[in-house]
Amino acid sequence: MNDRYTLHARTLTFLLNRDDVLLIQRSPSARLFPGMFNGVGGHVERGEDILSAARREVQEETSLDVPKLMLRCLLHVDEGADRPGVLVLVFVGHAKQRSVTESSEGTLHWVPVGRIGELNLLPDLPELLTKVLTLPADAAPIFAHSIISSDSSTWEIHFTS
């Protein structure tokens, strides 16, 4: 039996245009976090490098081509002892256009950065967004750890310097 801890790799991208950030409001019928807002992203496919996965997910979920994405955070999400962890590679990019194509993942919204706190965001997102959007362009990616209780009633995020 293998007791080694496993992680699933995912990408999460926040696209900026002027003073707005593009967020997706997850479908009300989504299995995870229905109706909540998040960045765009998804799984890394076999044979795919991380940056290509982030670009592909942006293209699939928004129809935007954003070739320059910057890795801003490596986020380890711990969902409890009975589940594998998730390694979320968080990117930020600048979209030259605002016209997006909806996908089955949810509804896309350009939201003023100053108003993100008014939305029904995933619990760790307000603090994560603040950190990644205020990083200097030449800064190294930051490290974070989110801990979610098994019933998702508590969710906390910690940053490592």
Protein backbone atom coordinates (compact mmCIF):
# COMPACT_ATOMS: atom_id res chain seq x y z
CA MET A 1 0.00 0.00 0.00
CA ASN A 2 1.27 3.44 -0.90
CA ASP A 3 0.77 6.02 1.87
CA ARG A 4 2.49 8.77 -0.09
CA TYR A 5 0.55 12.03 -0.18
CA THR A 6 -0.66 12.91 -3.66
CA LEU A 7 -1.53 16.22 -5.29
CA HIS A 8 -3.65 17.07 -8.30
CA ALA A 9 -2.32 19.97 -10.38
CA ARG A 10 -4.66 22.76 -11.42
CA THR A 11 -4.31 26.23 -12.85
CA LEU A 12 -6.15 29.36 -11.77
CA THR A 13 -5.86 32.56 -13.79
CA PHE A 14 -6.98 36.10 -13.08
CA LEU A 15 -7.17 38.26 -16.19
CA LEU A 16 -7.03 42.03 -15.89
CA ASN A 17 -8.30 44.71 -18.25
CA ARG A 18 -7.97 48.30 -17.05
CA ASP A 19 -9.20 48.24 -13.42
CA ASP A 20 -11.31 45.10 -13.82
CA VAL A 21 -10.63 41.43 -13.19
CA LEU A 22 -12.40 38.65 -15.08
CA LEU A 23 -14.17 36.21 -12.78
CA ILE A 24 -16.40 33.27 -13.52
CA GLN A 25 -19.55 32.70 -11.53
CA ARG A 26 -19.83 28.95 -11.34
CA SER A 27 -22.98 27.35 -12.62
CA PRO A 28 -25.72 26.88 -9.98
CA SER A 29 -25.62 23.17 -10.85
CA ALA A 30 -21.83 22.86 -10.46
CA ARG A 31 -20.72 19.95 -8.28
CA LEU A 32 -18.21 22.13 -6.43
CA PHE A 33 -18.94 25.64 -5.16
CA PRO A 34 -22.15 26.31 -7.14
CA GLY A 35 -22.86 29.97 -7.80
CA MET A 36 -19.55 31.15 -6.32
CA PHE A 37 -17.05 33.39 -8.12
CA ASN A 38 -13.50 32.33 -8.98
CA GLY A 39 -10.84 32.91 -11.60
CA VAL A 40 -10.74 30.74 -14.71
CA GLY A 41 -8.77 27.53 -14.79
CA GLY A 42 -8.82 23.81 -14.43
CA HIS A 43 -6.86 20.58 -14.55
CA VAL A 44 -3.44 20.09 -16.05
CA GLU A 45 -3.69 17.34 -18.66
CA ARG A 46 -1.18 14.52 -19.07
CA GLY A 47 1.72 15.57 -21.29
CA GLU A 48 0.97 19.27 -20.84
CA ASP A 49 3.26 21.78 -19.20
CA ILE A 50 1.77 24.10 -16.57
CA LEU A 51 1.91 27.31 -18.62
CA SER A 52 0.30 25.64 -21.64
CA ALA A 53 -2.43 24.28 -19.36
CA ALA A 54 -3.16 27.77 -18.01
CA ARG A 55 -3.32 29.22 -21.53
CA ARG A 56 -5.56 26.38 -22.73
CA GLU A 57 -7.97 26.80 -19.81
CA VAL A 58 -8.18 30.57 -20.43
CA GLN A 59 -8.90 29.94 -24.12
CA GLU A 60 -11.50 27.22 -23.40
CA GLU A 61 -13.35 29.16 -20.72
CA THR A 62 -13.19 32.68 -22.18
CA SER A 63 -12.11 32.45 -25.87
CA LEU A 64 -9.37 34.98 -25.01
CA ASP A 65 -5.82 34.47 -26.23
CA VAL A 66 -3.51 35.77 -23.51
CA PRO A 67 0.00 34.55 -24.32
CA LYS A 68 1.75 36.33 -21.43
CA LEU A 69 0.72 34.88 -18.09
CA MET A 70 2.80 35.41 -14.96
CA LEU A 71 2.99 32.78 -12.24
CA ARG A 72 2.12 34.64 -9.02
CA CYS A 73 1.38 31.95 -6.43
CA LEU A 74 1.77 28.26 -5.67
CA LEU A 75 -1.22 27.34 -3.54
CA HIS A 76 -1.50 23.99 -1.77
CA VAL A 77 -5.12 23.18 -0.94
CA ASP A 78 -5.62 20.56 1.78
CA GLU A 79 -9.13 19.11 1.70
CA GLY A 80 -8.61 16.65 4.55
CA ALA A 81 -6.85 13.38 5.34
CA ASP A 82 -9.11 11.23 3.17
CA ARG A 83 -8.59 13.26 -0.04
CA PRO A 84 -5.61 14.08 -2.22
CA GLY A 85 -4.36 17.63 -2.07
CA VAL A 86 -4.55 20.15 -4.87
CA LEU A 87 -1.62 22.20 -6.11
CA VAL A 88 -3.07 25.34 -7.68
CA LEU A 89 -0.69 27.34 -9.88
CA VAL A 90 -2.07 30.88 -9.84
CA PHE A 91 -1.40 33.14 -12.83
CA VAL A 92 -2.19 36.76 -13.66
CA GLY A 93 -2.40 38.12 -17.20
CA HIS A 94 -3.58 41.21 -19.03
CA ALA A 95 -6.32 40.79 -21.62
CA LYS A 96 -6.22 43.20 -24.54
CA GLN A 97 -9.92 42.78 -25.18
CA ARG A 98 -13.01 42.32 -23.02
CA SER A 99 -15.19 40.34 -25.39
CA VAL A 100 -15.52 36.80 -24.04
CA THR A 101 -17.44 33.70 -25.07
CA GLU A 102 -19.41 31.94 -22.38
CA SER A 103 -18.67 28.32 -21.56
CA SER A 104 -20.54 25.60 -19.71
CA GLU A 105 -18.37 26.31 -16.65
CA GLY A 106 -20.37 29.40 -15.67
CA THR A 107 -20.97 33.07 -16.43
CA LEU A 108 -18.04 35.43 -17.00
CA HIS A 109 -18.03 38.90 -15.40
CA TRP A 110 -15.57 41.78 -15.63
CA VAL A 111 -15.57 43.09 -12.06
CA PRO A 112 -13.92 46.27 -10.78
CA VAL A 113 -11.06 45.15 -8.53
CA GLY A 114 -12.36 47.46 -5.79
CA ARG A 115 -15.71 45.62 -5.73
CA ILE A 116 -14.58 41.99 -5.54
CA GLY A 117 -15.35 41.92 -1.81
CA GLU A 118 -19.06 42.36 -2.64
CA LEU A 119 -19.22 39.03 -4.48
CA ASN A 120 -19.86 35.49 -3.30
CA LEU A 121 -16.23 34.43 -3.66
CA LEU A 122 -14.58 31.19 -2.65
CA PRO A 123 -13.54 31.79 0.97
CA ASP A 124 -9.79 32.08 0.34
CA LEU A 125 -10.16 34.23 -2.77
CA PRO A 126 -10.36 37.78 -1.29
CA GLU A 127 -7.01 37.44 0.46
CA LEU A 128 -5.42 35.50 -2.42
CA LEU A 129 -6.55 38.05 -5.01
CA THR A 130 -5.28 40.94 -2.92
CA LYS A 131 -1.86 39.30 -2.62
CA VAL A 132 -1.41 38.27 -6.27
CA LEU A 133 -2.76 41.50 -7.76
CA THR A 134 -0.48 43.70 -5.67
CA LEU A 135 2.75 41.78 -6.23
CA PRO A 136 5.39 43.81 -8.05
CA ALA A 137 5.88 42.61 -11.63
CA ASP A 138 9.41 41.40 -10.88
CA ALA A 139 8.51 39.61 -7.63
CA ALA A 140 8.91 35.86 -7.27
CA PRO A 141 5.73 33.82 -6.85
CA ILE A 142 4.37 33.58 -3.33
CA PHE A 143 3.48 30.37 -1.47
CA ALA A 144 0.15 29.70 0.23
CA HIS A 145 -1.67 26.87 1.98
CA SER A 146 -5.46 26.62 2.18
CA ILE A 147 -7.06 24.24 4.64
CA ILE A 148 -10.65 23.20 4.08
CA SER A 149 -12.62 21.21 6.65
CA SER A 150 -14.16 17.97 5.38
CA ASP A 151 -17.64 19.55 5.35
CA SER A 152 -16.31 22.82 3.82
CA SER A 153 -17.65 24.79 6.79
CA THR A 154 -14.26 26.29 7.59
CA TRP A 155 -11.66 27.44 5.13
CA GLU A 156 -8.48 29.28 5.98
CA ILE A 157 -5.48 30.43 3.97
CA HIS A 158 -1.92 30.99 5.17
CA PHE A 159 0.91 32.65 3.28
CA THR A 160 4.59 31.76 3.67
CA SER A 161 7.28 34.37 3.22
